[in-house]
Amino acid sequence: QFDNPFGITIDASGNLYVADANNQVIRQVTPAGVVTTLA
C-alpha cells in the first residue's frame, strides 16, 4: 500500500525508489513488485 506516491526514479538494477509523500517514507520496489519501506 502507498499513500499519495509522487516522485519516482530507477537505479541500474531496475529497482524503483518512490517518494511516498503522505507516509513520509521512501519505498523501494523491485522489478518483481516486491515493495519494502527503504527509509
All heavy atoms as atom14 arrays in JSON, in Angstrom:
{
  "sequence": "QFDNPFGITIDASGNLYVADANNQVIRQVTPAGVVTTLA",
  "atom14_mask": [
    [1, 1, 1, 1, 1, 1, 1, 1, 1, 0, 0, 0, 0, 0],
    [1, 1, 1, 1, 1, 1, 1, 1, 1, 1, 1, 0, 0, 0],
    [1, 1, 1, 1, 1, 1, 1, 1, 0, 0, 0, 0, 0, 0],
    [1, 1, 1, 1, 1, 1, 1, 1, 0, 0, 0, 0, 0, 0],
    [1, 1, 1, 1, 1, 1, 1, 0, 0, 0, 0, 0, 0, 0],
    [1, 1, 1, 1, 1, 1, 1, 1, 1, 1, 1, 0, 0, 0],
    [1, 1, 1, 1, 0, 0, 0, 0, 0, 0, 0, 0, 0, 0],
    [1, 1, 1, 1, 1, 1, 1, 1, 0, 0, 0, 0, 0, 0],
    [1, 1, 1, 1, 1, 1, 1, 0, 0, 0, 0, 0, 0, 0],
    [1, 1, 1, 1, 1, 1, 1, 1, 0, 0, 0, 0, 0, 0],
    [1, 1, 1, 1, 1, 1, 1, 1, 0, 0, 0, 0, 0, 0],
    [1, 1, 1, 1, 1, 0, 0, 0, 0, 0, 0, 0, 0, 0],
    [1, 1, 1, 1, 1, 1, 0, 0, 0, 0, 0, 0, 0, 0],
    [1, 1, 1, 1, 0, 0, 0, 0, 0, 0, 0, 0, 0, 0],
    [1, 1, 1, 1, 1, 1, 1, 1, 0, 0, 0, 0, 0, 0],
    [1, 1, 1, 1, 1, 1, 1, 1, 0, 0, 0, 0, 0, 0],
    [1, 1, 1, 1, 1, 1, 1, 1, 1, 1, 1, 1, 0, 0],
    [1, 1, 1, 1, 1, 1, 1, 0, 0, 0, 0, 0, 0, 0],
    [1, 1, 1, 1, 1, 0, 0, 0, 0, 0, 0, 0, 0, 0],
    [1, 1, 1, 1, 1, 1, 1, 1, 0, 0, 0, 0, 0, 0],
    [1, 1, 1, 1, 1, 0, 0, 0, 0, 0, 0, 0, 0, 0],
    [1, 1, 1, 1, 1, 1, 1, 1, 0, 0, 0, 0, 0, 0],
    [1, 1, 1, 1, 1, 1, 1, 1, 0, 0, 0, 0, 0, 0],
    [1, 1, 1, 1, 1, 1, 1, 1, 1, 0, 0, 0, 0, 0],
    [1, 1, 1, 1, 1, 1, 1, 0, 0, 0, 0, 0, 0, 0],
    [1, 1, 1, 1, 1, 1, 1, 1, 0, 0, 0, 0, 0, 0],
    [1, 1, 1, 1, 1, 1, 1, 1, 1, 1, 1, 0, 0, 0],
    [1, 1, 1, 1, 1, 1, 1, 1, 1, 0, 0, 0, 0, 0],
    [1, 1, 1, 1, 1, 1, 1, 0, 0, 0, 0, 0, 0, 0],
    [1, 1, 1, 1, 1, 1, 1, 0, 0, 0, 0, 0, 0, 0],
    [1, 1, 1, 1, 1, 1, 1, 0, 0, 0, 0, 0, 0, 0],
    [1, 1, 1, 1, 1, 0, 0, 0, 0, 0, 0, 0, 0, 0],
    [1, 1, 1, 1, 0, 0, 0, 0, 0, 0, 0, 0, 0, 0],
    [1, 1, 1, 1, 1, 1, 1, 0, 0, 0, 0, 0, 0, 0],
    [1, 1, 1, 1, 1, 1, 1, 0, 0, 0, 0, 0, 0, 0],
    [1, 1, 1, 1, 1, 1, 1, 0, 0, 0, 0, 0, 0, 0],
    [1, 1, 1, 1, 1, 1, 1, 0, 0, 0, 0, 0, 0, 0],
    [1, 1, 1, 1, 1, 1, 1, 1, 0, 0, 0, 0, 0, 0],
    [1, 1, 1, 1, 1, 0, 0, 0, 0, 0, 0, 0, 0, 0]
  ],
  "atom14_positions": [
    [[0.83, -1.2, 0.0], [0.0, 0.0, 0.0], [0.87, 1.25, 0.0], [1.95, 1.28, 0.6], [-0.91, 0.03, 1.23], [-1.97, -1.06, 1.26], [-2.79, -1.0, 2.53], [-2.28, -0.69, 3.61], [-4.07, -1.31, 2.41], [0.0, 0.0, 0.0], [0.0, 0.0, 0.0], [0.0, 0.0, 0.0], [0.0, 0.0, 0.0], [0.0, 0.0, 0.0]],
    [[0.37, 2.28, -0.69], [1.0, 3.59, -0.74], [-0.02, 4.64, -0.35], [-1.23, 4.39, -0.37], [1.52, 3.9, -2.15], [2.55, 2.94, -2.68], [2.15, 1.75, -3.3], [3.89, 3.21, -2.56], [3.09, 0.85, -3.79], [4.84, 2.32, -3.06], [4.44, 1.14, -3.66], [0.0, 0.0, 0.0], [0.0, 0.0, 0.0], [0.0, 0.0, 0.0]],
    [[0.46, 5.83, -0.03], [-0.43, 6.95, 0.25], [0.11, 8.18, -0.45], [1.02, 8.84, 0.02], [-0.54, 7.19, 1.77], [-1.68, 8.15, 2.12], [-2.28, 8.73, 1.19], [-1.95, 8.33, 3.32], [0.0, 0.0, 0.0], [0.0, 0.0, 0.0], [0.0, 0.0, 0.0], [0.0, 0.0, 0.0], [0.0, 0.0, 0.0], [0.0, 0.0, 0.0]],
    [[-0.44, 8.44, -1.63], [-0.05, 9.59, -2.44], [1.4, 9.49, -2.94], [2.2, 10.39, -2.74], [-0.25, 10.89, -1.67], [-0.39, 12.09, -2.58], [-1.09, 12.03, -3.58], [0.25, 13.18, -2.23], [0.0, 0.0, 0.0], [0.0, 0.0, 0.0], [0.0, 0.0, 0.0], [0.0, 0.0, 0.0], [0.0, 0.0, 0.0], [0.0, 0.0, 0.0]],
    [[1.73, 8.39, -3.63], [3.08, 8.31, -4.2], [3.26, 9.39, -5.25], [2.38, 9.62, -6.06], [3.11, 6.9, -4.81], [1.68, 6.62, -5.14], [0.88, 7.28, -4.04], [0.0, 0.0, 0.0], [0.0, 0.0, 0.0], [0.0, 0.0, 0.0], [0.0, 0.0, 0.0], [0.0, 0.0, 0.0], [0.0, 0.0, 0.0], [0.0, 0.0, 0.0]],
    [[4.43, 10.02, -5.26], [4.61, 11.17, -6.14], [5.84, 11.03, -7.01], [5.75, 10.74, -8.19], [4.66, 12.45, -5.29], [4.36, 13.69, -6.07], [3.06, 14.15, -6.19], [5.37, 14.41, -6.69], [2.76, 15.29, -6.92], [5.09, 15.55, -7.42], [3.79, 16.0, -7.53], [0.0, 0.0, 0.0], [0.0, 0.0, 0.0], [0.0, 0.0, 0.0]],
    [[7.02, 11.27, -6.46], [8.24, 11.17, -7.25], [8.68, 9.74, -7.41], [8.42, 8.89, -6.56], [0.0, 0.0, 0.0], [0.0, 0.0, 0.0], [0.0, 0.0, 0.0], [0.0, 0.0, 0.0], [0.0, 0.0, 0.0], [0.0, 0.0, 0.0], [0.0, 0.0, 0.0], [0.0, 0.0, 0.0], [0.0, 0.0, 0.0], [0.0, 0.0, 0.0]],
    [[9.36, 9.44, -8.52], [9.8, 8.07, -8.78], [11.08, 8.11, -9.61], [11.23, 8.96, -10.49], [8.69, 7.26, -9.49], [9.03, 5.78, -9.58], [8.4, 7.84, -10.86], [7.86, 4.92, -10.05], [0.0, 0.0, 0.0], [0.0, 0.0, 0.0], [0.0, 0.0, 0.0], [0.0, 0.0, 0.0], [0.0, 0.0, 0.0], [0.0, 0.0, 0.0]],
    [[12.02, 7.2, -9.3], [13.25, 7.09, -10.08], [13.69, 5.64, -10.06], [13.13, 4.82, -9.33], [14.34, 8.02, -9.53], [15.41, 8.09, -10.47], [14.88, 7.53, -8.19], [0.0, 0.0, 0.0], [0.0, 0.0, 0.0], [0.0, 0.0, 0.0], [0.0, 0.0, 0.0], [0.0, 0.0, 0.0], [0.0, 0.0, 0.0], [0.0, 0.0, 0.0]],
    [[14.69, 5.31, -10.86], [15.11, 3.92, -11.03], [16.62, 3.83, -11.01], [17.32, 4.76, -11.44], [14.53, 3.35, -12.35], [14.64, 1.83, -12.4], [15.18, 4.02, -13.55], [13.81, 1.2, -13.51], [0.0, 0.0, 0.0], [0.0, 0.0, 0.0], [0.0, 0.0, 0.0], [0.0, 0.0, 0.0], [0.0, 0.0, 0.0], [0.0, 0.0, 0.0]],
    [[17.14, 2.7, -10.46], [18.59, 2.51, -10.46], [18.99, 1.56, -11.58], [18.15, 1.05, -12.33], [19.09, 2.05, -9.09], [18.63, 0.64, -8.72], [18.16, -0.11, -9.6], [18.74, 0.29, -7.53], [0.0, 0.0, 0.0], [0.0, 0.0, 0.0], [0.0, 0.0, 0.0], [0.0, 0.0, 0.0], [0.0, 0.0, 0.0], [0.0, 0.0, 0.0]],
    [[20.29, 1.29, -11.69], [20.8, 0.48, -12.79], [20.36, -0.97, -12.71], [20.4, -1.69, -13.72], [22.33, 0.55, -12.82], [0.0, 0.0, 0.0], [0.0, 0.0, 0.0], [0.0, 0.0, 0.0], [0.0, 0.0, 0.0], [0.0, 0.0, 0.0], [0.0, 0.0, 0.0], [0.0, 0.0, 0.0], [0.0, 0.0, 0.0], [0.0, 0.0, 0.0]],
    [[19.92, -1.41, -11.52], [19.47, -2.79, -11.35], [17.97, -2.94, -11.58], [17.43, -4.05, -11.43], [19.83, -3.29, -9.95], [21.23, -3.26, -9.75], [0.0, 0.0, 0.0], [0.0, 0.0, 0.0], [0.0, 0.0, 0.0], [0.0, 0.0, 0.0], [0.0, 0.0, 0.0], [0.0, 0.0, 0.0], [0.0, 0.0, 0.0], [0.0, 0.0, 0.0]],
    [[17.28, -1.85, -11.9], [15.86, -1.9, -12.14], [15.0, -1.72, -10.92], [13.78, -1.89, -10.99], [0.0, 0.0, 0.0], [0.0, 0.0, 0.0], [0.0, 0.0, 0.0], [0.0, 0.0, 0.0], [0.0, 0.0, 0.0], [0.0, 0.0, 0.0], [0.0, 0.0, 0.0], [0.0, 0.0, 0.0], [0.0, 0.0, 0.0], [0.0, 0.0, 0.0]],
    [[15.61, -1.38, -9.79], [14.82, -1.09, -8.6], [14.29, 0.34, -8.66], [15.0, 1.26, -9.07], [15.68, -1.24, -7.34], [16.18, -2.66, -7.17], [15.41, -3.59, -7.09], [17.49, -2.81, -7.11], [0.0, 0.0, 0.0], [0.0, 0.0, 0.0], [0.0, 0.0, 0.0], [0.0, 0.0, 0.0], [0.0, 0.0, 0.0], [0.0, 0.0, 0.0]],
    [[13.03, 0.49, -8.27], [12.41, 1.8, -8.22], [12.5, 2.36, -6.81], [12.45, 1.61, -5.82], [10.93, 1.72, -8.61], [10.63, 1.23, -10.03], [9.16, 0.93, -10.16], [11.07, 2.27, -11.05], [0.0, 0.0, 0.0], [0.0, 0.0, 0.0], [0.0, 0.0, 0.0], [0.0, 0.0, 0.0], [0.0, 0.0, 0.0], [0.0, 0.0, 0.0]],
    [[12.6, 3.69, -6.7], [12.56, 4.38, -5.42], [11.46, 5.42, -5.51], [11.45, 6.25, -6.42], [13.92, 5.01, -5.09], [15.0, 3.95, -5.0], [15.76, 3.62, -6.12], [15.21, 3.26, -3.81], [16.72, 2.63, -6.06], [16.17, 2.26, -3.74], [16.92, 1.95, -4.87], [17.86, 0.95, -4.8], [0.0, 0.0, 0.0], [0.0, 0.0, 0.0]],
    [[10.52, 5.34, -4.59], [9.31, 6.15, -4.66], [9.22, 7.03, -3.42], [9.38, 6.56, -2.29], [8.06, 5.25, -4.72], [6.79, 6.09, -4.79], [8.14, 4.31, -5.92], [0.0, 0.0, 0.0], [0.0, 0.0, 0.0], [0.0, 0.0, 0.0], [0.0, 0.0, 0.0], [0.0, 0.0, 0.0], [0.0, 0.0, 0.0], [0.0, 0.0, 0.0]],
    [[8.98, 8.32, -3.65], [8.68, 9.23, -2.54], [7.21, 9.06, -2.21], [6.33, 9.53, -2.94], [8.98, 10.67, -2.94], [0.0, 0.0, 0.0], [0.0, 0.0, 0.0], [0.0, 0.0, 0.0], [0.0, 0.0, 0.0], [0.0, 0.0, 0.0], [0.0, 0.0, 0.0], [0.0, 0.0, 0.0], [0.0, 0.0, 0.0], [0.0, 0.0, 0.0]],
    [[6.95, 8.35, -1.12], [5.57, 8.06, -0.69], [5.15, 9.22, 0.22], [5.31, 9.17, 1.44], [5.54, 6.73, 0.04], [4.15, 6.16, 0.17], [3.2, 6.78, -0.33], [4.01, 5.09, 0.8], [0.0, 0.0, 0.0], [0.0, 0.0, 0.0], [0.0, 0.0, 0.0], [0.0, 0.0, 0.0], [0.0, 0.0, 0.0], [0.0, 0.0, 0.0]],
    [[4.61, 10.26, -0.41], [4.53, 11.58, 0.21], [3.79, 11.61, 1.54], [4.3, 12.1, 2.55], [3.9, 12.57, -0.76], [0.0, 0.0, 0.0], [0.0, 0.0, 0.0], [0.0, 0.0, 0.0], [0.0, 0.0, 0.0], [0.0, 0.0, 0.0], [0.0, 0.0, 0.0], [0.0, 0.0, 0.0], [0.0, 0.0, 0.0], [0.0, 0.0, 0.0]],
    [[2.57, 11.1, 1.57], [1.78, 11.2, 2.8], [2.24, 10.25, 3.89], [1.92, 10.45, 5.07], [0.29, 10.96, 2.51], [-0.35, 12.13, 1.8], [0.26, 13.19, 1.64], [-1.59, 11.96, 1.36], [0.0, 0.0, 0.0], [0.0, 0.0, 0.0], [0.0, 0.0, 0.0], [0.0, 0.0, 0.0], [0.0, 0.0, 0.0], [0.0, 0.0, 0.0]],
    [[2.99, 9.22, 3.52], [3.55, 8.32, 4.52], [4.89, 8.79, 5.05], [5.44, 8.19, 5.97], [3.69, 6.9, 3.95], [2.39, 6.14, 3.94], [1.6, 6.24, 4.88], [2.15, 5.37, 2.89], [0.0, 0.0, 0.0], [0.0, 0.0, 0.0], [0.0, 0.0, 0.0], [0.0, 0.0, 0.0], [0.0, 0.0, 0.0], [0.0, 0.0, 0.0]],
    [[5.44, 9.83, 4.42], [6.73, 10.39, 4.84], [7.85, 9.36, 4.81], [8.7, 9.31, 5.69], [6.61, 10.98, 6.26], [5.53, 12.02, 6.44], [5.95, 13.4, 5.98], [7.0, 13.57, 5.36], [5.16, 14.4, 6.28], [0.0, 0.0, 0.0], [0.0, 0.0, 0.0], [0.0, 0.0, 0.0], [0.0, 0.0, 0.0], [0.0, 0.0, 0.0]],
    [[7.84, 8.51, 3.77], [8.85, 7.46, 3.66], [9.35, 7.36, 2.22], [8.75, 7.89, 1.29], [8.31, 6.08, 4.1], [7.93, 6.09, 5.56], [7.14, 5.64, 3.23], [0.0, 0.0, 0.0], [0.0, 0.0, 0.0], [0.0, 0.0, 0.0], [0.0, 0.0, 0.0], [0.0, 0.0, 0.0], [0.0, 0.0, 0.0], [0.0, 0.0, 0.0]],
    [[10.45, 6.64, 2.07], [10.96, 6.27, 0.75], [10.77, 4.78, 0.61], [11.22, 4.0, 1.45], [12.44, 6.66, 0.6], [12.59, 8.18, 0.72], [12.98, 6.18, -0.74], [14.01, 8.66, 0.8], [0.0, 0.0, 0.0], [0.0, 0.0, 0.0], [0.0, 0.0, 0.0], [0.0, 0.0, 0.0], [0.0, 0.0, 0.0], [0.0, 0.0, 0.0]],
    [[10.08, 4.37, -0.47], [9.82, 2.95, -0.69], [10.69, 2.44, -1.84], [10.98, 3.18, -2.8], [8.34, 2.73, -1.06], [7.34, 3.5, -0.24], [7.24, 3.01, 1.19], [6.64, 1.68, 1.32], [5.33, 1.44, 1.3], [4.46, 2.44, 1.11], [4.86, 0.21, 1.47], [0.0, 0.0, 0.0], [0.0, 0.0, 0.0], [0.0, 0.0, 0.0]],
    [[11.07, 1.19, -1.74], [11.78, 0.52, -2.83], [10.86, -0.52, -3.43], [10.18, -1.26, -2.72], [13.05, -0.15, -2.32], [13.87, -0.82, -3.42], [15.01, -1.65, -2.88], [14.8, -2.62, -2.18], [16.23, -1.25, -3.21], [0.0, 0.0, 0.0], [0.0, 0.0, 0.0], [0.0, 0.0, 0.0], [0.0, 0.0, 0.0], [0.0, 0.0, 0.0]],
    [[10.84, -0.56, -4.76], [10.03, -1.54, -5.48], [10.96, -2.3, -6.42], [11.58, -1.71, -7.3], [8.89, -0.87, -6.29], [7.99, -1.94, -6.89], [8.1, 0.1, -5.44], [0.0, 0.0, 0.0], [0.0, 0.0, 0.0], [0.0, 0.0, 0.0], [0.0, 0.0, 0.0], [0.0, 0.0, 0.0], [0.0, 0.0, 0.0], [0.0, 0.0, 0.0]],
    [[11.06, -3.61, -6.23], [11.92, -4.42, -7.1], [11.22, -4.68, -8.43], [10.01, -4.48, -8.57], [12.25, -5.77, -6.44], [11.07, -6.59, -6.45], [12.76, -5.59, -5.02], [0.0, 0.0, 0.0], [0.0, 0.0, 0.0], [0.0, 0.0, 0.0], [0.0, 0.0, 0.0], [0.0, 0.0, 0.0], [0.0, 0.0, 0.0], [0.0, 0.0, 0.0]],
    [[11.96, -5.17, -9.43], [11.32, -5.5, -10.71], [10.19, -6.52, -10.58], [9.29, -6.56, -11.43], [12.48, -6.05, -11.55], [13.69, -5.38, -10.99], [13.43, -5.28, -9.52], [0.0, 0.0, 0.0], [0.0, 0.0, 0.0], [0.0, 0.0, 0.0], [0.0, 0.0, 0.0], [0.0, 0.0, 0.0], [0.0, 0.0, 0.0], [0.0, 0.0, 0.0]],
    [[10.22, -7.33, -9.51], [9.17, -8.32, -9.29], [7.99, -7.75, -8.53], [7.03, -8.48, -8.23], [9.74, -9.52, -8.53], [0.0, 0.0, 0.0], [0.0, 0.0, 0.0], [0.0, 0.0, 0.0], [0.0, 0.0, 0.0], [0.0, 0.0, 0.0], [0.0, 0.0, 0.0], [0.0, 0.0, 0.0], [0.0, 0.0, 0.0], [0.0, 0.0, 0.0]],
    [[8.03, -6.47, -8.19], [6.91, -5.84, -7.49], [6.96, -5.98, -5.99], [5.97, -5.71, -5.31], [0.0, 0.0, 0.0], [0.0, 0.0, 0.0], [0.0, 0.0, 0.0], [0.0, 0.0, 0.0], [0.0, 0.0, 0.0], [0.0, 0.0, 0.0], [0.0, 0.0, 0.0], [0.0, 0.0, 0.0], [0.0, 0.0, 0.0], [0.0, 0.0, 0.0]],
    [[8.09, -6.4, -5.46], [8.23, -6.51, -4.01], [8.51, -5.12, -3.44], [9.5, -4.48, -3.79], [9.35, -7.48, -3.62], [9.52, -7.54, -2.1], [9.07, -8.87, -4.17], [0.0, 0.0, 0.0], [0.0, 0.0, 0.0], [0.0, 0.0, 0.0], [0.0, 0.0, 0.0], [0.0, 0.0, 0.0], [0.0, 0.0, 0.0], [0.0, 0.0, 0.0]],
    [[7.62, -4.66, -2.57], [7.72, -3.32, -2.0], [8.21, -3.41, -0.57], [7.67, -4.17, 0.24], [6.36, -2.6, -2.01], [6.47, -1.22, -1.37], [5.83, -2.5, -3.44], [0.0, 0.0, 0.0], [0.0, 0.0, 0.0], [0.0, 0.0, 0.0], [0.0, 0.0, 0.0], [0.0, 0.0, 0.0], [0.0, 0.0, 0.0], [0.0, 0.0, 0.0]],
    [[9.24, -2.66, -0.27], [9.71, -2.52, 1.1], [9.85, -1.04, 1.41], [10.04, -0.22, 0.5], [11.06, -3.22, 1.32], [12.0, -2.74, 0.36], [10.92, -4.73, 1.19], [0.0, 0.0, 0.0], [0.0, 0.0, 0.0], [0.0, 0.0, 0.0], [0.0, 0.0, 0.0], [0.0, 0.0, 0.0], [0.0, 0.0, 0.0], [0.0, 0.0, 0.0]],
    [[9.74, -0.72, 2.65], [9.96, 0.65, 3.09], [11.45, 0.79, 3.34], [11.99, 0.3, 4.33], [9.16, 0.97, 4.35], [7.77, 0.81, 4.06], [9.4, 2.41, 4.8], [0.0, 0.0, 0.0], [0.0, 0.0, 0.0], [0.0, 0.0, 0.0], [0.0, 0.0, 0.0], [0.0, 0.0, 0.0], [0.0, 0.0, 0.0], [0.0, 0.0, 0.0]],
    [[12.11, 1.43, 2.4], [13.56, 1.56, 2.48], [13.96, 2.48, 3.62], [14.93, 2.23, 4.33], [14.11, 2.09, 1.16], [15.6, 2.35, 1.11], [16.38, 1.06, 1.25], [15.98, 3.05, -0.2], [0.0, 0.0, 0.0], [0.0, 0.0, 0.0], [0.0, 0.0, 0.0], [0.0, 0.0, 0.0], [0.0, 0.0, 0.0], [0.0, 0.0, 0.0]],
    [[13.2, 3.54, 3.79], [13.56, 4.52, 4.81], [12.3, 5.14, 5.38], [11.42, 5.57, 4.62], [14.46, 5.59, 4.21], [0.0, 0.0, 0.0], [0.0, 0.0, 0.0], [0.0, 0.0, 0.0], [0.0, 0.0, 0.0], [0.0, 0.0, 0.0], [0.0, 0.0, 0.0], [0.0, 0.0, 0.0], [0.0, 0.0, 0.0], [0.0, 0.0, 0.0]]
  ]
}
